[in-house]
Protein backbone atom coordinates (compact mmCIF):
# COMPACT_ATOMS: atom_id res chain seq x y z
CA MET A 1 0.00 0.00 0.00
CA ASP A 2 1.34 3.41 -0.98
CA LEU A 3 1.26 5.49 2.20
CA LYS A 4 1.56 8.76 0.29
CA SER A 5 -1.83 8.18 -1.32
CA PHE A 6 -3.37 6.32 1.62
CA SER A 7 -6.92 7.55 2.01
CA ALA A 8 -9.77 7.20 4.47
CA LEU A 9 -11.60 5.10 1.90
CA GLU A 10 -8.64 2.73 1.43
CA TRP A 11 -8.45 2.32 5.19
CA ALA A 12 -12.18 1.56 5.36
CA HIS A 13 -11.90 -0.94 2.49
CA LYS A 14 -9.06 -2.77 4.25
CA PHE A 15 -11.23 -3.04 7.37
CA ILE A 16 -14.18 -4.29 5.30
CA ARG A 17 -12.09 -6.87 3.40
CA GLU A 18 -10.91 -8.35 6.70
CA HIS A 19 -14.47 -8.86 7.99
CA VAL A 20 -16.93 -9.54 5.15
CA LYS A 21 -17.22 -13.17 4.03
CA PRO A 22 -19.11 -15.10 1.33
CA GLY A 23 -22.77 -15.44 2.20
CA ASP A 24 -22.92 -12.25 4.28
CA LEU A 25 -25.67 -9.65 4.05
CA CYS A 26 -24.37 -6.08 3.72
CA ILE A 27 -25.62 -2.53 3.19
CA ASP A 28 -24.02 0.31 1.25
CA ALA A 29 -25.92 3.21 2.81
CA THR A 30 -24.57 5.78 0.32
CA ALA A 31 -24.13 4.05 -3.05
CA GLY A 32 -22.57 7.02 -4.82
CA ARG A 33 -20.70 5.78 -7.89
CA GLY A 34 -21.02 2.15 -6.80
CA HIS A 35 -17.46 1.50 -5.65
CA ASP A 36 -18.38 0.28 -2.16
CA THR A 37 -21.39 -1.64 -3.47
CA ALA A 38 -19.14 -3.46 -5.94
CA LEU A 39 -16.54 -4.18 -3.26
CA LEU A 40 -19.19 -5.66 -0.99
CA CYS A 41 -20.71 -7.72 -3.84
CA GLY A 42 -17.31 -9.20 -4.58
CA LEU A 43 -16.80 -10.13 -0.95
CA VAL A 44 -20.26 -11.64 -0.28
CA GLY A 45 -20.02 -13.81 -3.38
CA GLU A 46 -22.87 -15.61 -5.07
CA THR A 47 -24.48 -16.63 -1.77
CA GLY A 48 -24.55 -13.19 -0.13
CA HIS A 49 -26.45 -10.01 -0.89
CA VAL A 50 -25.90 -6.24 -0.77
CA THR A 51 -28.60 -3.59 -0.45
CA ALA A 52 -27.49 -0.13 -1.59
CA PHE A 53 -29.21 3.23 -1.08
CA ASP A 54 -28.84 6.66 -2.65
CA ILE A 55 -31.25 9.55 -3.14
CA GLN A 56 -29.83 10.65 -6.50
CA SER A 57 -30.85 9.06 -9.79
CA ASP A 58 -27.33 9.74 -11.14
CA ALA A 59 -25.85 7.67 -8.30
CA ILE A 60 -28.34 4.85 -8.87
CA ALA A 61 -27.49 4.76 -12.59
CA SER A 62 -23.73 4.77 -11.86
CA THR A 63 -24.05 2.00 -9.31
CA ASN A 64 -26.23 -0.17 -11.55
CA ALA A 65 -23.82 0.32 -14.47
CA ARG A 66 -20.83 -0.67 -12.33
CA LEU A 67 -22.61 -3.77 -11.03
CA ALA A 68 -23.66 -4.80 -14.55
CA GLU A 69 -20.10 -4.34 -15.82
CA LEU A 70 -18.80 -6.65 -13.07
CA GLY A 71 -21.62 -9.20 -13.37
CA TYR A 72 -22.92 -8.46 -9.86
CA THR A 73 -26.51 -7.42 -10.61
CA ASP A 74 -27.90 -10.60 -9.02
CA ARG A 75 -25.99 -9.91 -5.78
CA ALA A 76 -27.42 -6.46 -5.09
CA THR A 77 -30.61 -4.50 -4.73
CA VAL A 78 -30.13 -0.79 -5.47
CA ILE A 79 -32.78 1.48 -3.97
CA GLN A 80 -33.36 5.12 -4.81
CA GLY A 81 -34.23 6.39 -1.37
CA SER A 82 -32.80 7.65 1.88
CA HIS A 83 -30.43 5.55 3.92
CA SER A 84 -32.63 6.45 6.86
CA THR A 85 -35.12 3.82 5.59
CA MET A 86 -32.69 0.89 5.71
CA GLY A 87 -34.54 -0.59 8.67
CA GLU A 88 -37.42 -1.36 6.31
CA TYR A 89 -35.20 -3.64 4.20
CA ALA A 90 -33.41 -5.83 6.76
CA GLN A 91 -34.07 -7.59 10.03
CA PRO A 92 -32.22 -6.64 13.24
CA GLY A 93 -29.09 -8.69 13.88
CA THR A 94 -28.66 -9.92 10.28
CA ILE A 95 -26.22 -7.50 8.63
CA SER A 96 -22.47 -8.15 8.58
CA CYS A 97 -21.31 -4.77 7.29
CA ILE A 98 -22.74 -1.32 6.64
CA THR A 99 -20.72 1.34 4.88
CA PHE A 100 -21.32 5.10 4.63
CA ASN A 101 -19.61 7.92 2.75
CA PHE A 102 -21.10 11.17 4.03
CA GLY A 103 -20.96 14.33 1.95
CA TRP A 104 -21.82 14.70 -1.73
CA LEU A 105 -21.71 12.53 -4.84
CA PRO A 106 -18.22 12.51 -6.41
CA GLY A 107 -18.43 14.53 -9.60
CA GLY A 108 -22.02 15.44 -8.78
CA ASP A 109 -23.91 18.52 -7.67
CA HIS A 110 -22.37 19.79 -4.42
CA ASN A 111 -25.70 21.35 -3.52
CA ILE A 112 -27.06 17.85 -2.90
CA PHE A 113 -25.45 16.26 0.15
CA THR A 114 -26.13 14.12 3.18
CA HIS A 115 -27.79 15.74 6.18
CA ALA A 116 -27.14 15.12 9.87
CA ASP A 117 -30.75 14.26 10.75
CA THR A 118 -31.14 11.44 8.21
CA SER A 119 -27.52 10.34 8.59
CA ILE A 120 -27.83 9.95 12.36
CA ALA A 121 -31.15 8.12 11.93
CA ALA A 122 -29.48 5.77 9.44
CA ILE A 123 -26.54 5.07 11.75
CA GLY A 124 -28.94 4.34 14.61
CA GLN A 125 -30.95 1.92 12.50
CA GLY A 126 -27.77 0.37 11.18
CA LEU A 127 -26.47 -0.36 14.67
CA GLU A 128 -29.62 -2.38 15.36
CA LEU A 129 -29.33 -4.22 12.04
CA LEU A 130 -25.75 -5.33 12.64
CA ARG A 131 -25.25 -8.90 13.75
CA GLU A 132 -22.95 -9.70 16.66
CA ASP A 133 -19.38 -8.99 15.45
CA GLY A 134 -20.81 -6.89 12.60
CA ILE A 135 -19.01 -3.76 11.45
CA MET A 136 -19.85 -0.29 10.24
CA SER A 137 -17.51 1.91 8.24
CA LEU A 138 -18.06 5.65 7.93
CA CYS A 139 -16.05 8.17 5.91
CA ILE A 140 -17.07 11.69 6.85
CA TYR A 141 -16.36 14.09 3.99
CA TYR A 142 -16.99 17.70 4.96
CA GLY A 143 -16.30 21.26 3.94
CA ARG A 144 -17.99 23.97 1.95
CA GLU A 145 -20.99 25.71 3.48
CA THR A 146 -22.79 22.70 4.97
CA GLY A 147 -20.38 19.85 5.59
CA PHE A 148 -19.04 21.19 8.88
CA ALA A 149 -22.45 21.09 10.57
CA GLU A 150 -23.00 17.46 9.58
CA ARG A 151 -19.46 16.53 10.62
CA ASP A 152 -19.93 18.08 14.06
CA ALA A 153 -23.33 16.46 14.58
CA LEU A 154 -22.05 13.03 13.51
CA LEU A 155 -18.98 13.20 15.75
CA ALA A 156 -21.12 14.27 18.72
CA TYR A 157 -23.61 11.45 18.07
CA LEU A 158 -20.90 8.80 17.68
CA ARG A 159 -19.59 9.62 21.16
CA THR A 160 -23.00 8.75 22.64
CA ILE A 161 -23.17 5.18 21.26
CA ASP A 162 -23.41 2.57 24.02
CA SER A 163 -19.88 1.35 24.80
CA LYS A 164 -21.27 -1.87 26.31
CA GLN A 165 -22.54 -2.94 22.89
CA TYR A 166 -20.27 -1.18 20.38
CA THR A 167 -16.70 -0.05 19.95
CA VAL A 168 -16.40 3.23 18.04
CA MET A 169 -13.03 4.37 16.71
CA ILE A 170 -12.76 7.86 15.22
CA CYS A 171 -9.51 8.60 13.38
CA GLU A 172 -8.10 11.65 11.66
CA PHE A 173 -5.32 12.69 9.35
CA ALA A 174 -3.38 15.09 11.56
CA ASN A 175 -1.11 16.54 8.87
CA ARG A 176 -3.29 16.78 5.76
CA SER A 177 -4.80 20.06 4.68
CA ASN A 178 -8.10 20.95 3.00
CA CYS A 179 -10.59 19.15 5.25
CA PRO A 180 -9.34 15.55 4.98
CA PRO A 181 -12.07 12.92 5.43
CA ILE A 182 -12.56 11.42 8.86
CA PRO A 183 -12.66 7.61 8.91
CA VAL A 184 -14.76 5.93 11.62
CA LEU A 185 -14.97 2.21 12.40
CA ILE A 186 -17.63 0.58 14.56
CA TRP A 187 -17.72 -3.00 15.83
CA LYS A 188 -20.77 -4.59 17.41
CA GLY A 189 -19.95 -6.99 20.21
CA LYS A 190 -19.08 -7.33 23.80
């Protein structure tokens, strides 16, 4: 791994690769361009399944195109809707991994972005959906006029998660400029 280009997303993907196995059920809460959805589909194999969410039709189209290109369309359900509805699509204690990338769609309209209220609701639902030893990966992208408010709300919320049920690790790049993303890892288990 090239440490000069090491990113929050690469760190999250390493964490995910070490935990997700064939047959697992996973959620990509912010499908974006489909990179995390495709990663999860590759890891769960033919016997697992991934449910992906995004509110933007452009993101849904990108994700579906990526999955079709890789032959993963039968391993995923891509839903145009808020990640705050994920609890309607899975049973508590069944999900191995949930991944989030907060902020805006890469290459998309920066006026459309995630919001603290629905993001916190989604994290809360996701914690209930995780199975024992399940994981959650969050990359908090922030900046511009609105990203700081969501960042602050998410970081405050994460500190309130029950330490008897979950381990929450918040990391930061201490020497990178221009609002570097904040990677967060959560494990469910005693």
